[in-house]
Amino acid sequence: MRSKAENKISEELLKSLFLQRLPTHVQQILAISNDKLVRLAEMADGIMAAATDSIAVRAVTSEEANLQATLMEISARLSRLKARSRSHSRESGRRFRPRSASREVGNPAHCWYHQRP
């Protein structure tokens, strides 16, 4: 920023612009400092390095929780499908009627071949 400004902008304005471009948590920490811009940049680097580790841990934990919830939902759906499949197979077994029962309807003098439609 300083090289682009070519020393036409005051140190205070550069400091203010620099702080505005930082993440909120870094701005809050550096806001109370009266150090020069170079020192603020070093401190911001240190804060970001420390914060990045904890942010990565939180992201993994959150991702893990989402995966856990999805896995539980899939497991519940699978259980419902299995239960439905078992009850359906039991019901269809009760409704089974042999085809030969319909063949007996009609004229008993004819064989089954001549009774078919």
PDB file of N, CA and C in Angstrom:
ATOM      1  N   MET A   1       0.832  -1.190   0.000  1.00  0.00           N
ATOM      2  CA  MET A   1       0.000   0.000   0.000  1.00  0.00           C
ATOM      3  C   MET A   1       0.874   1.250   0.000  1.00  0.00           C
ATOM      4  N   ARG A   2       1.947   1.165   0.777  1.00  0.00           N
ATOM      5  CA  ARG A   2       2.817   2.336   0.895  1.00  0.00           C
ATOM      6  C   ARG A   2       3.479   2.646  -0.448  1.00  0.00           C
ATOM      7  N   SER A   3       3.897   1.594  -1.177  1.00  0.00           N
ATOM      8  CA  SER A   3       4.565   1.829  -2.462  1.00  0.00           C
ATOM      9  C   SER A   3       3.597   2.398  -3.496  1.00  0.00           C
ATOM     10  N   LYS A   4       2.360   1.980  -3.448  1.00  0.00           N
ATOM     11  CA  LYS A   4       1.361   2.521  -4.382  1.00  0.00           C
ATOM     12  C   LYS A   4       1.038   3.977  -4.059  1.00  0.00           C
ATOM     13  N   ALA A   5       1.081   4.319  -2.789  1.00  0.00           N
ATOM     14  CA  ALA A   5       0.772   5.694  -2.375  1.00  0.00           C
ATOM     15  C   ALA A   5       1.917   6.645  -2.673  1.00  0.00           C
ATOM     16  N   GLU A   6       3.111   6.116  -2.883  1.00  0.00           N
ATOM     17  CA  GLU A   6       4.309   6.912  -3.185  1.00  0.00           C
ATOM     18  C   GLU A   6       4.506   8.054  -2.188  1.00  0.00           C
ATOM     19  N   ASN A   7       4.323   7.739  -0.913  1.00  0.00           N
ATOM     20  CA  ASN A   7       4.520   8.701   0.179  1.00  0.00           C
ATOM     21  C   ASN A   7       3.625   9.938   0.080  1.00  0.00           C
ATOM     22  N   LYS A   8       2.501   9.847  -0.622  1.00  0.00           N
ATOM     23  CA  LYS A   8       1.577  10.974  -0.730  1.00  0.00           C
ATOM     24  C   LYS A   8       0.466  10.885   0.311  1.00  0.00           C
ATOM     25  N   ILE A   9       0.398   9.757   1.025  1.00  0.00           N
ATOM     26  CA  ILE A   9      -0.648   9.547   2.023  1.00  0.00           C
ATOM     27  C   ILE A   9       0.011   9.461   3.392  1.00  0.00           C
ATOM     28  N   SER A  10      -0.638  10.042   4.387  1.00  0.00           N
ATOM     29  CA  SER A  10      -0.071  10.047   5.736  1.00  0.00           C
ATOM     30  C   SER A  10      -0.042   8.642   6.337  1.00  0.00           C
ATOM     31  N   GLU A  11       0.810   8.471   7.307  1.00  0.00           N
ATOM     32  CA  GLU A  11       0.947   7.187   8.018  1.00  0.00           C
ATOM     33  C   GLU A  11      -0.368   6.795   8.681  1.00  0.00           C
ATOM     34  N   GLU A  12      -1.076   7.759   9.252  1.00  0.00           N
ATOM     35  CA  GLU A  12      -2.345   7.481   9.929  1.00  0.00           C
ATOM     36  C   GLU A  12      -3.412   6.982   8.955  1.00  0.00           C
ATOM     37  N   LEU A  13      -3.473   7.580   7.772  1.00  0.00           N
ATOM     38  CA  LEU A  13      -4.447   7.143   6.775  1.00  0.00           C
ATOM     39  C   LEU A  13      -4.108   5.734   6.279  1.00  0.00           C
ATOM     40  N   LEU A  14      -2.829   5.475   6.033  1.00  0.00           N
ATOM     41  CA  LEU A  14      -2.405   4.130   5.626  1.00  0.00           C
ATOM     42  C   LEU A  14      -2.743   3.104   6.704  1.00  0.00           C
ATOM     43  N   LYS A  15      -2.494   3.481   7.947  1.00  0.00           N
ATOM     44  CA  LYS A  15      -2.798   2.599   9.073  1.00  0.00           C
ATOM     45  C   LYS A  15      -4.295   2.302   9.121  1.00  0.00           C
ATOM     46  N   SER A  16      -5.108   3.316   8.930  1.00  0.00           N
ATOM     47  CA  SER A  16      -6.559   3.144   8.949  1.00  0.00           C
ATOM     48  C   SER A  16      -7.018   2.244   7.796  1.00  0.00           C
ATOM     49  N   LEU A  17      -6.503   2.474   6.596  1.00  0.00           N
ATOM     50  CA  LEU A  17      -6.856   1.643   5.435  1.00  0.00           C
ATOM     51  C   LEU A  17      -6.415   0.192   5.638  1.00  0.00           C
ATOM     52  N   PHE A  18      -5.225   0.029   6.193  1.00  0.00           N
ATOM     53  CA  PHE A  18      -4.699  -1.320   6.451  1.00  0.00           C
ATOM     54  C   PHE A  18      -5.601  -2.075   7.430  1.00  0.00           C
ATOM     55  N   LEU A  19      -5.984  -1.413   8.510  1.00  0.00           N
ATOM     56  CA  LEU A  19      -6.829  -2.059   9.517  1.00  0.00           C
ATOM     57  C   LEU A  19      -8.203  -2.425   8.954  1.00  0.00           C
ATOM     58  N   GLN A  20      -8.742  -1.586   8.066  1.00  0.00           N
ATOM     59  CA  GLN A  20     -10.053  -1.862   7.476  1.00  0.00           C
ATOM     60  C   GLN A  20     -10.047  -3.126   6.622  1.00  0.00           C
ATOM     61  N   ARG A  21      -8.906  -3.468   6.073  1.00  0.00           N
ATOM     62  CA  ARG A  21      -8.814  -4.631   5.187  1.00  0.00           C
ATOM     63  C   ARG A  21      -8.596  -5.947   5.949  1.00  0.00           C
ATOM     64  N   LEU A  22      -8.411  -5.861   7.235  1.00  0.00           N
ATOM     65  CA  LEU A  22      -8.160  -7.060   8.049  1.00  0.00           C
ATOM     66  C   LEU A  22      -9.475  -7.685   8.520  1.00  0.00           C
ATOM     67  N   PRO A  23      -9.442  -8.971   8.848  1.00  0.00           N
ATOM     68  CA  PRO A  23     -10.635  -9.603   9.435  1.00  0.00           C
ATOM     69  C   PRO A  23     -11.015  -8.903  10.744  1.00  0.00           C
ATOM     70  N   THR A  24     -12.270  -8.971  11.088  1.00  0.00           N
ATOM     71  CA  THR A  24     -12.802  -8.252  12.252  1.00  0.00           C
ATOM     72  C   THR A  24     -12.061  -8.597  13.537  1.00  0.00           C
ATOM     73  N   HIS A  25     -11.794  -9.886  13.754  1.00  0.00           N
ATOM     74  CA  HIS A  25     -11.136 -10.261  15.015  1.00  0.00           C
ATOM     75  C   HIS A  25      -9.728  -9.675  15.110  1.00  0.00           C
ATOM     76  N   VAL A  26      -9.033  -9.514  13.991  1.00  0.00           N
ATOM     77  CA  VAL A  26      -7.694  -8.914  14.004  1.00  0.00           C
ATOM     78  C   VAL A  26      -7.819  -7.404  14.208  1.00  0.00           C
ATOM     79  N   GLN A  27      -8.795  -6.783  13.572  1.00  0.00           N
ATOM     80  CA  GLN A  27      -9.028  -5.343  13.763  1.00  0.00           C
ATOM     81  C   GLN A  27      -9.263  -5.021  15.230  1.00  0.00           C
ATOM     82  N   GLN A  28     -10.065  -5.846  15.887  1.00  0.00           N
ATOM     83  CA  GLN A  28     -10.390  -5.596  17.294  1.00  0.00           C
ATOM     84  C   GLN A  28      -9.152  -5.666  18.174  1.00  0.00           C
ATOM     85  N   ILE A  29      -8.248  -6.575  17.862  1.00  0.00           N
ATOM     86  CA  ILE A  29      -7.032  -6.709  18.670  1.00  0.00           C
ATOM     87  C   ILE A  29      -6.083  -5.539  18.418  1.00  0.00           C
ATOM     88  N   LEU A  30      -5.912  -5.174  17.154  1.00  0.00           N
ATOM     89  CA  LEU A  30      -4.936  -4.139  16.799  1.00  0.00           C
ATOM     90  C   LEU A  30      -5.452  -2.709  16.997  1.00  0.00           C
ATOM     91  N   ALA A  31      -6.730  -2.543  17.194  1.00  0.00           N
ATOM     92  CA  ALA A  31      -7.315  -1.202  17.306  1.00  0.00           C
ATOM     93  C   ALA A  31      -6.726  -0.399  18.464  1.00  0.00           C
ATOM     94  N   ILE A  32      -6.321  -1.065  19.509  1.00  0.00           N
ATOM     95  CA  ILE A  32      -5.812  -0.337  20.680  1.00  0.00           C
ATOM     96  C   ILE A  32      -4.317  -0.030  20.591  1.00  0.00           C
ATOM     97  N   SER A  33      -3.660  -0.527  19.551  1.00  0.00           N
ATOM     98  CA  SER A  33      -2.218  -0.332  19.426  1.00  0.00           C
ATOM     99  C   SER A  33      -1.886   1.013  18.793  1.00  0.00           C
ATOM    100  N   ASN A  34      -0.830   1.641  19.306  1.00  0.00           N
ATOM    101  CA  ASN A  34      -0.332   2.900  18.748  1.00  0.00           C
ATOM    102  C   ASN A  34       0.960   2.685  17.973  1.00  0.00           C
ATOM    103  N   ASP A  35       1.283   1.432  17.680  1.00  0.00           N
ATOM    104  CA  ASP A  35       2.528   1.118  16.975  1.00  0.00           C
ATOM    105  C   ASP A  35       2.481   1.602  15.532  1.00  0.00           C
ATOM    106  N   LYS A  36       3.669   1.631  14.926  1.00  0.00           N
ATOM    107  CA  LYS A  36       3.771   2.019  13.523  1.00  0.00           C
ATOM    108  C   LYS A  36       3.187   0.922  12.644  1.00  0.00           C
ATOM    109  N   LEU A  37       2.935   1.264  11.397  1.00  0.00           N
ATOM    110  CA  LEU A  37       2.299   0.367  10.440  1.00  0.00           C
ATOM    111  C   LEU A  37       3.092  -0.927  10.249  1.00  0.00           C
ATOM    112  N   VAL A  38       4.402  -0.839  10.216  1.00  0.00           N
ATOM    113  CA  VAL A  38       5.232  -2.039  10.032  1.00  0.00           C
ATOM    114  C   VAL A  38       5.021  -3.000  11.201  1.00  0.00           C
ATOM    115  N   ARG A  39       5.002  -2.491  12.393  1.00  0.00           N
ATOM    116  CA  ARG A  39       4.787  -3.331  13.590  1.00  0.00           C
ATOM    117  C   ARG A  39       3.368  -3.913  13.591  1.00  0.00           C
ATOM    118  N   LEU A  40       2.380  -3.130  13.196  1.00  0.00           N
ATOM    119  CA  LEU A  40       1.005  -3.630  13.113  1.00  0.00           C
ATOM    120  C   LEU A  40       0.901  -4.776  12.106  1.00  0.00           C
ATOM    121  N   ALA A  41       1.612  -4.649  10.988  1.00  0.00           N
ATOM    122  CA  ALA A  41       1.590  -5.707   9.975  1.00  0.00           C
ATOM    123  C   ALA A  41       2.185  -6.996  10.534  1.00  0.00           C
ATOM    124  N   GLU A  42       3.275  -6.878  11.283  1.00  0.00           N
ATOM    125  CA  GLU A  42       3.887  -8.063  11.903  1.00  0.00           C
ATOM    126  C   GLU A  42       2.930  -8.705  12.911  1.00  0.00           C
ATOM    127  N   MET A  43       2.290  -7.858  13.724  1.00  0.00           N
ATOM    128  CA  MET A  43       1.349  -8.380  14.716  1.00  0.00           C
ATOM    129  C   MET A  43       0.154  -9.046  14.023  1.00  0.00           C
ATOM    130  N   ALA A  44      -0.334  -8.441  12.947  1.00  0.00           N
ATOM    131  CA  ALA A  44      -1.459  -9.019  12.205  1.00  0.00           C
ATOM    132  C   ALA A  44      -1.082 -10.392  11.644  1.00  0.00           C
ATOM    133  N   ASP A  45       0.141 -10.516  11.143  1.00  0.00           N
ATOM    134  CA  ASP A  45       0.604 -11.816  10.637  1.00  0.00           C
ATOM    135  C   ASP A  45       0.591 -12.866  11.739  1.00  0.00           C
ATOM    136  N   GLY A  46       1.090 -12.479  12.916  1.00  0.00           N
ATOM    137  CA  GLY A  46       1.106 -13.418  14.044  1.00  0.00           C
ATOM    138  C   GLY A  46      -0.293 -13.825  14.483  1.00  0.00           C
ATOM    139  N   ILE A  47      -1.195 -12.857  14.544  1.00  0.00           N
ATOM    140  CA  ILE A  47      -2.583 -13.148  14.943  1.00  0.00           C
ATOM    141  C   ILE A  47      -3.238 -14.078  13.932  1.00  0.00           C
ATOM    142  N   MET A  48      -3.054 -13.789  12.652  1.00  0.00           N
ATOM    143  CA  MET A  48      -3.654 -14.626  11.607  1.00  0.00           C
ATOM    144  C   MET A  48      -3.089 -16.046  11.642  1.00  0.00           C
ATOM    145  N   ALA A  49      -1.802 -16.185  11.897  1.00  0.00           N
ATOM    146  CA  ALA A  49      -1.204 -17.520  11.964  1.00  0.00           C
ATOM    147  C   ALA A  49      -1.798 -18.317  13.122  1.00  0.00           C
ATOM    148  N   ALA A  50      -1.962 -17.666  14.265  1.00  0.00           N
ATOM    149  CA  ALA A  50      -2.533 -18.353  15.429  1.00  0.00           C
ATOM    150  C   ALA A  50      -4.013 -18.645  15.225  1.00  0.00           C
ATOM    151  N   ALA A  51      -4.743 -17.711  14.645  1.00  0.00           N
ATOM    152  CA  ALA A  51      -6.186 -17.876  14.456  1.00  0.00           C
ATOM    153  C   ALA A  51      -6.500 -18.906  13.380  1.00  0.00           C
ATOM    154  N   THR A  52      -5.659 -19.019  12.370  1.00  0.00           N
ATOM    155  CA  THR A  52      -5.910 -19.961  11.278  1.00  0.00           C
ATOM    156  C   THR A  52      -5.957 -21.386  11.791  1.00  0.00           C
ATOM    157  N   ASP A  53      -5.085 -21.714  12.739  1.00  0.00           N
ATOM    158  CA  ASP A  53      -5.089 -23.064  13.303  1.00  0.00           C
ATOM    159  C   ASP A  53      -6.408 -23.372  13.993  1.00  0.00           C
ATOM    160  N   SER A  54      -6.906 -22.443  14.803  1.00  0.00           N
ATOM    161  CA  SER A  54      -8.155 -22.706  15.516  1.00  0.00           C
ATOM    162  C   SER A  54      -9.354 -22.683  14.573  1.00  0.00           C
ATOM    163  N   ILE A  55      -9.310 -21.862  13.532  1.00  0.00           N
ATOM    164  CA  ILE A  55     -10.395 -21.836  12.549  1.00  0.00           C
ATOM    165  C   ILE A  55     -10.450 -23.161  11.810  1.00  0.00           C
ATOM    166  N   ALA A  56      -9.294 -23.713  11.456  1.00  0.00           N
ATOM    167  CA  ALA A  56      -9.255 -25.000  10.752  1.00  0.00           C
ATOM    168  C   ALA A  56      -9.820 -26.107  11.626  1.00  0.00           C
ATOM    169  N   VAL A  57      -9.514 -26.075  12.919  1.00  0.00           N
ATOM    170  CA  VAL A  57     -10.039 -27.084  13.839  1.00  0.00           C
ATOM    171  C   VAL A  57     -11.550 -26.967  13.929  1.00  0.00           C
ATOM    172  N   ARG A  58     -12.074 -25.762  14.025  1.00  0.00           N
ATOM    173  CA  ARG A  58     -13.523 -25.568  14.091  1.00  0.00           C
ATOM    174  C   ARG A  58     -14.202 -26.022  12.810  1.00  0.00           C
ATOM    175  N   ALA A  59     -13.589 -25.781  11.667  1.00  0.00           N
ATOM    176  CA  ALA A  59     -14.181 -26.181  10.389  1.00  0.00           C
ATOM    177  C   ALA A  59     -14.266 -27.693  10.287  1.00  0.00           C
ATOM    178  N   VAL A  60     -13.222 -28.387  10.702  1.00  0.00           N
ATOM    179  CA  VAL A  60     -13.228 -29.850  10.661  1.00  0.00           C
ATOM    180  C   VAL A  60     -14.280 -30.393  11.610  1.00  0.00           C
ATOM    181  N   THR A  61     -14.373 -29.827  12.799  1.00  0.00           N
ATOM    182  CA  THR A  61     -15.362 -30.273  13.771  1.00  0.00           C
ATOM    183  C   THR A  61     -16.771 -30.066  13.231  1.00  0.00           C
ATOM    184  N   SER A  62     -17.013 -28.937  12.612  1.00  0.00           N
ATOM    185  CA  SER A  62     -18.320 -28.652  12.041  1.00  0.00           C
ATOM    186  C   SER A  62     -18.631 -29.607  10.894  1.00  0.00           C
ATOM    187  N   GLU A  63     -17.648 -29.853  10.049  1.00  0.00           N
ATOM    188  CA  GLU A  63     -17.821 -30.790   8.938  1.00  0.00           C
ATOM    189  C   GLU A  63     -18.116 -32.187   9.462  1.00  0.00           C
ATOM    190  N   GLU A  64     -17.408 -32.566  10.499  1.00  0.00           N
ATOM    191  CA  GLU A  64     -17.608 -33.886  11.099  1.00  0.00           C
ATOM    192  C   GLU A  64     -19.026 -34.013  11.660  1.00  0.00           C
ATOM    193  N   ALA A  65     -19.518 -32.960  12.273  1.00  0.00           N
ATOM    194  CA  ALA A  65     -20.881 -32.979  12.817  1.00  0.00           C
ATOM    195  C   ALA A  65     -21.906 -33.107  11.693  1.00  0.00           C
ATOM    196  N   ASN A  66     -21.674 -32.404  10.590  1.00  0.00           N
ATOM    197  CA  ASN A  66     -22.586 -32.505   9.443  1.00  0.00           C
ATOM    198  C   ASN A  66     -22.584 -33.915   8.870  1.00  0.00           C
ATOM    199  N   LEU A  67     -21.403 -34.505   8.748  1.00  0.00           N
ATOM    200  CA  LEU A  67     -21.309 -35.876   8.238  1.00  0.00           C
ATOM    201  C   LEU A  67     -22.008 -36.852   9.178  1.00  0.00           C
ATOM    202  N   GLN A  68     -21.838 -36.645  10.465  1.00  0.00           N
ATOM    203  CA  GLN A  68     -22.479 -37.507  11.463  1.00  0.00           C
ATOM    204  C   GLN A  68     -24.000 -37.430  11.333  1.00  0.00           C
ATOM    205  N   ALA A  69     -24.529 -36.225  11.188  1.00  0.00           N
ATOM    206  CA  ALA A  69     -25.982 -36.047  11.050  1.00  0.00           C
ATOM    207  C   ALA A  69     -26.490 -36.698   9.768  1.00  0.00           C
ATOM    208  N   THR A  70     -25.755 -36.546   8.681  1.00  0.00           N
ATOM    209  CA  THR A  70     -26.145 -37.158   7.408  1.00  0.00           C
ATOM    210  C   THR A  70     -26.133 -38.666   7.517  1.00  0.00           C
ATOM    211  N   LEU A  71     -25.120 -39.209   8.161  1.00  0.00           N
ATOM    212  CA  LEU A  71     -25.025 -40.656   8.341  1.00  0.00           C
ATOM    213  C   LEU A  71     -26.188 -41.185   9.175  1.00  0.00           C
ATOM    214  N   MET A  72     -26.568 -40.461  10.213  1.00  0.00           N
ATOM    215  CA  MET A  72     -27.703 -40.873  11.043  1.00  0.00           C
ATOM    216  C   MET A  72     -28.999 -40.857  10.229  1.00  0.00           C
ATOM    217  N   GLU A  73     -29.162 -39.844   9.388  1.00  0.00           N
ATOM    218  CA  GLU A  73     -30.366 -39.747   8.557  1.00  0.00           C
ATOM    219  C   GLU A  73     -30.428 -40.906   7.557  1.00  0.00           C
ATOM    220  N   ILE A  74     -29.307 -41.221   6.941  1.00  0.00           N
ATOM    221  CA  ILE A  74     -29.263 -42.339   5.988  1.00  0.00           C
ATOM    222  C   ILE A  74     -29.563 -43.647   6.698  1.00  0.00           C
ATOM    223  N   SER A  75     -29.017 -43.825   7.878  1.00  0.00           N
ATOM    224  CA  SER A  75     -29.255 -45.041   8.654  1.00  0.00           C
ATOM    225  C   SER A  75     -30.738 -45.191   8.998  1.00  0.00           C
ATOM    226  N   ALA A  76     -31.375 -44.096   9.387  1.00  0.00           N
ATOM    227  CA  ALA A  76     -32.806 -44.137   9.722  1.00  0.00           C
ATOM    228  C   ALA A  76     -33.643 -44.474   8.493  1.00  0.00           C
ATOM    229  N   ARG A  77     -33.290 -43.891   7.351  1.00  0.00           N
ATOM    230  CA  ARG A  77     -34.017 -44.196   6.110  1.00  0.00           C
ATOM    231  C   ARG A  77     -33.868 -45.667   5.733  1.00  0.00           C
ATOM    232  N   LEU A  78     -32.663 -46.180   5.881  1.00  0.00           N
ATOM    233  CA  LEU A  78     -32.413 -47.587   5.562  1.00  0.00           C
ATOM    234  C   LEU A  78     -33.230 -48.497   6.466  1.00  0.00           C
ATOM    235  N   SER A  79     -33.313 -48.169   7.735  1.00  0.00           N
ATOM    236  CA  SER A  79     -34.113 -48.965   8.671  1.00  0.00           C
ATOM    237  C   SER A  79     -35.586 -48.951   8.275  1.00  0.00           C
ATOM    238  N   ARG A  80     -36.098 -47.771   7.889  1.00  0.00           N
ATOM    239  CA  ARG A  80     -37.502 -47.690   7.458  1.00  0.00           C
ATOM    240  C   ARG A  80     -37.746 -48.504   6.195  1.00  0.00           C
ATOM    241  N   LEU A  81     -36.802 -48.461   5.260  1.00  0.00           N
ATOM    242  CA  LEU A  81     -36.949 -49.239   4.028  1.00  0.00           C
ATOM    243  C   LEU A  81     -36.943 -50.737   4.311  1.00  0.00           C
ATOM    244  N   LYS A  82     -36.065 -51.173   5.208  1.00  0.00           N
ATOM    245  CA  LYS A  82     -36.013 -52.597   5.565  1.00  0.00           C
ATOM    246  C   LYS A  82     -37.323 -53.031   6.209  1.00  0.00           C
ATOM    247  N   ALA A  83     -37.849 -52.211   7.112  1.00  0.00           N
ATOM    248  CA  ALA A  83     -39.107 -52.547   7.783  1.00  0.00           C
ATOM    249  C   ALA A  83     -40.248 -52.600   6.770  1.00  0.00           C
ATOM    250  N   ARG A  84     -40.281 -51.657   5.865  1.00  0.00           N
ATOM    251  CA  ARG A  84     -41.323 -51.634   4.840  1.00  0.00           C
ATOM    252  C   ARG A  84     -41.208 -52.860   3.927  1.00  0.00           C
ATOM    253  N   SER A  85     -40.001 -53.225   3.587  1.00  0.00           N
ATOM    254  CA  SER A  85     -39.781 -54.382   2.717  1.00  0.00           C
ATOM    255  C   SER A  85     -40.238 -55.666   3.398  1.00  0.00           C
ATOM    256  N   ARG A  86     -39.925 -55.802   4.694  1.00  0.00           N
ATOM    257  CA  ARG A  86     -40.345 -57.000   5.435  1.00  0.00           C
ATOM    258  C   ARG A  86     -41.862 -57.082   5.536  1.00  0.00           C
ATOM    259  N   SER A  87     -42.516 -55.960   5.832  1.00  0.00           N
ATOM    260  CA  SER A  87     -43.976 -55.989   5.967  1.00  0.00           C
ATOM    261  C   SER A  87     -44.625 -56.220   4.604  1.00  0.00           C
ATOM    262  N   HIS A  88     -44.051 -55.706   3.559  1.00  0.00           N
ATOM    263  CA  HIS A  88     -44.599 -55.898   2.214  1.00  0.00           C
ATOM    264  C   HIS A  88     -44.484 -57.363   1.792  1.00  0.00           C
ATOM    265  N   SER A  89     -43.362 -57.985   2.096  1.00  0.00           N
ATOM    266  CA  SER A  89     -43.203 -59.390   1.696  1.00  0.00           C
ATOM    267  C   SER A  89     -44.158 -60.287   2.488  1.00  0.00           C
ATOM    268  N   ARG A  90     -44.426 -59.956   3.744  1.00  0.00           N
ATOM    269  CA  ARG A  90     -45.382 -60.740   4.531  1.00  0.00           C
ATOM    270  C   ARG A  90     -46.796 -60.567   3.991  1.00  0.00           C
ATOM    271  N   GLU A  91     -47.164 -59.330   3.640  1.00  0.00           N
ATOM    272  CA  GLU A  91     -48.503 -59.065   3.117  1.00  0.00           C
ATOM    273  C   GLU A  91     -48.706 -59.715   1.755  1.00  0.00           C
ATOM    274  N   SER A  92     -47.722 -59.657   0.901  1.00  0.00           N
ATOM    275  CA  SER A  92     -47.885 -60.229  -0.429  1.00  0.00           C
ATOM    276  C   SER A  92     -47.962 -61.745  -0.350  1.00  0.00           C
ATOM    277  N   GLY A  93     -47.362 -62.348   0.649  1.00  0.00           N
ATOM    278  CA  GLY A  93     -47.454 -63.799   0.838  1.00  0.00           C
ATOM    279  C   GLY A  93     -48.856 -64.214   1.235  1.00  0.00           C
ATOM    280  N   ARG A  94     -49.561 -63.362   1.966  1.00  0.00           N
ATOM    281  CA  ARG A  94     -50.930 -63.668   2.391  1.00  0.00           C
ATOM    282  C   ARG A  94     -51.917 -63.514   1.236  1.00  0.00           C
ATOM    283  N   ARG A  95     -51.636 -62.618   0.333  1.00  0.00           N
ATOM    284  CA  ARG A  95     -52.547 -62.360  -0.776  1.00  0.00           C
ATOM    285  C   ARG A  95     -52.336 -63.314  -1.952  1.00  0.00           C
ATOM    286  N   PHE A  96     -51.365 -64.151  -1.882  1.00  0.00           N
ATOM    287  CA  PHE A  96     -51.041 -65.028  -2.999  1.00  0.00           C
ATOM    288  C   PHE A  96     -52.169 -66.015  -3.270  1.00  0.00           C
ATOM    289  N   ARG A  97     -52.594 -66.057  -4.513  1.00  0.00           N
ATOM    290  CA  ARG A  97     -53.584 -67.045  -4.944  1.00  0.00           C
ATOM    291  C   ARG A  97     -52.996 -67.772  -6.144  1.00  0.00           C
ATOM    292  N   PRO A  98     -53.069 -69.064  -6.147  1.00  0.00           N
ATOM    293  CA  PRO A  98     -52.509 -69.801  -7.284  1.00  0.00           C
ATOM    294  C   PRO A  98     -53.309 -69.519  -8.549  1.00  0.00           C
ATOM    295  N   ARG A  99     -52.637 -69.505  -9.671  1.00  0.00           N
ATOM    296  CA  ARG A  99     -53.302 -69.229 -10.947  1.00  0.00           C
ATOM    297  C   ARG A  99     -54.292 -70.337 -11.313  1.00  0.00           C
ATOM    298  N   SER A 100     -54.026 -71.517 -10.842  1.00  0.00           N
ATOM    299  CA  SER A 100     -54.882 -72.639 -11.214  1.00  0.00           C
ATOM    300  C   SER A 100     -56.309 -72.470 -10.709  1.00  0.00           C
ATOM    301  N   ALA A 101     -56.534 -71.649  -9.694  1.00  0.00           N
ATOM    302  CA  ALA A 101     -57.884 -71.437  -9.168  1.00  0.00           C
ATOM    303  C   ALA A 101     -58.774 -70.802 -10.230  1.00  0.00           C
ATOM    304  N   SER A 102     -58.238 -69.898 -11.026  1.00  0.00           N
ATOM    305  CA  SER A 102     -59.052 -69.246 -12.040  1.00  0.00           C
ATOM    306  C   SER A 102     -59.337 -70.179 -13.215  1.00  0.00           C
ATOM    307  N   ARG A 103     -58.522 -71.172 -13.399  1.00  0.00           N
ATOM    308  CA  ARG A 103     -58.716 -72.101 -14.505  1.00  0.00           C
ATOM    309  C   ARG A 103     -59.895 -73.045 -14.270  1.00  0.00           C
ATOM    310  N   GLU A 104     -60.256 -73.217 -13.020  1.00  0.00           N
ATOM    311  CA  GLU A 104     -61.335 -74.149 -12.705  1.00  0.00           C
ATOM    312  C   GLU A 104     -62.712 -73.567 -13.023  1.00  0.00           C
ATOM    313  N   VAL A 105     -62.792 -72.272 -13.246  1.00  0.00           N
ATOM    314  CA  VAL A 105     -64.056 -71.624 -13.571  1.00  0.00           C
ATOM    315  C   VAL A 105     -64.392 -71.937 -15.030  1.00  0.00           C
ATOM    316  N   GLY A 106     -65.640 -72.205 -15.299  1.00  0.00           N
ATOM    317  CA  GLY A 106     -66.053 -72.478 -16.675  1.00  0.00           C
ATOM    318  C   GLY A 106     -66.656 -73.873 -16.800  1.00  0.00           C
ATOM    319  N   ASN A 107     -66.659 -74.378 -17.963  1.00  0.00           N
ATOM    320  CA  ASN A 107     -67.248 -75.681 -18.249  1.00  0.00           C
ATOM    321  C   ASN A 107     -66.274 -76.786 -17.878  1.00  0.00           C
ATOM    322  N   PRO A 108     -66.618 -77.627 -16.896  1.00  0.00           N
ATOM    323  CA  PRO A 108     -65.701 -78.686 -16.482  1.00  0.00           C
ATOM    324  C   PRO A 108     -65.514 -79.743 -17.570  1.00  0.00           C
ATOM    325  N   ALA A 109     -66.320 -79.717 -18.590  1.00  0.00           N
ATOM    326  CA  ALA A 109     -66.181 -80.696 -19.669  1.00  0.00           C
ATOM    327  C   ALA A 109     -64.999 -80.365 -20.566  1.00  0.00           C
ATOM    328  N   HIS A 110     -64.576 -79.089 -20.579  1.00  0.00           N
ATOM    329  CA  HIS A 110     -63.433 -78.698 -21.405  1.00  0.00           C
ATOM    330  C   HIS A 110     -62.136 -78.789 -20.604  1.00  0.00           C
ATOM    331  N   CYS A 111     -61.063 -79.050 -21.255  1.00  0.00           N
ATOM    332  CA  CYS A 111     -59.752 -79.044 -20.588  1.00  0.00           C
ATOM    333  C   CYS A 111     -59.304 -77.601 -20.378  1.00  0.00           C
ATOM    334  N   TRP A 112     -58.287 -77.401 -19.595  1.00  0.00           N
ATOM    335  CA  TRP A 112     -57.841 -76.045 -19.267  1.00  0.00           C
ATOM    336  C   TRP A 112     -57.404 -75.284 -20.503  1.00  0.00           C
ATOM    337  N   TYR A 113     -56.890 -75.964 -21.511  1.00  0.00           N
ATOM    338  CA  TYR A 113     -56.424 -75.304 -22.727  1.00  0.00           C
ATOM    339  C   TYR A 113     -57.579 -74.633 -23.464  1.00  0.00           C
ATOM    340  N   HIS A 114     -58.712 -75.279 -23.521  1.00  0.00           N
ATOM    341  CA  HIS A 114     -59.853 -74.723 -24.238  1.00  0.00           C
ATOM    342  C   HIS A 114     -60.621 -73.677 -23.417  1.00  0.00           C
ATOM    343  N   GLN A 115     -60.378 -73.603 -22.138  1.00  0.00           N
ATOM    344  CA  GLN A 115     -61.069 -72.623 -21.291  1.00  0.00           C
ATOM    345  C   GLN A 115     -60.365 -71.263 -21.266  1.00  0.00           C
ATOM    346  N   ARG A 116     -59.136 -71.196 -21.692  1.00  0.00           N
ATOM    347  CA  ARG A 116     -58.400 -69.917 -21.625  1.00  0.00           C
ATOM    348  C   ARG A 116     -58.956 -68.913 -22.622  1.00  0.00           C
ATOM    349  N   PRO A 117     -58.832 -67.652 -22.346  1.00  0.00           N
ATOM    350  CA  PRO A 117     -59.437 -66.608 -23.190  1.00  0.00           C
ATOM    351  C   PRO A 117     -58.760 -66.465 -24.535  1.00  0.00           C
TER     352      PRO A 117
END
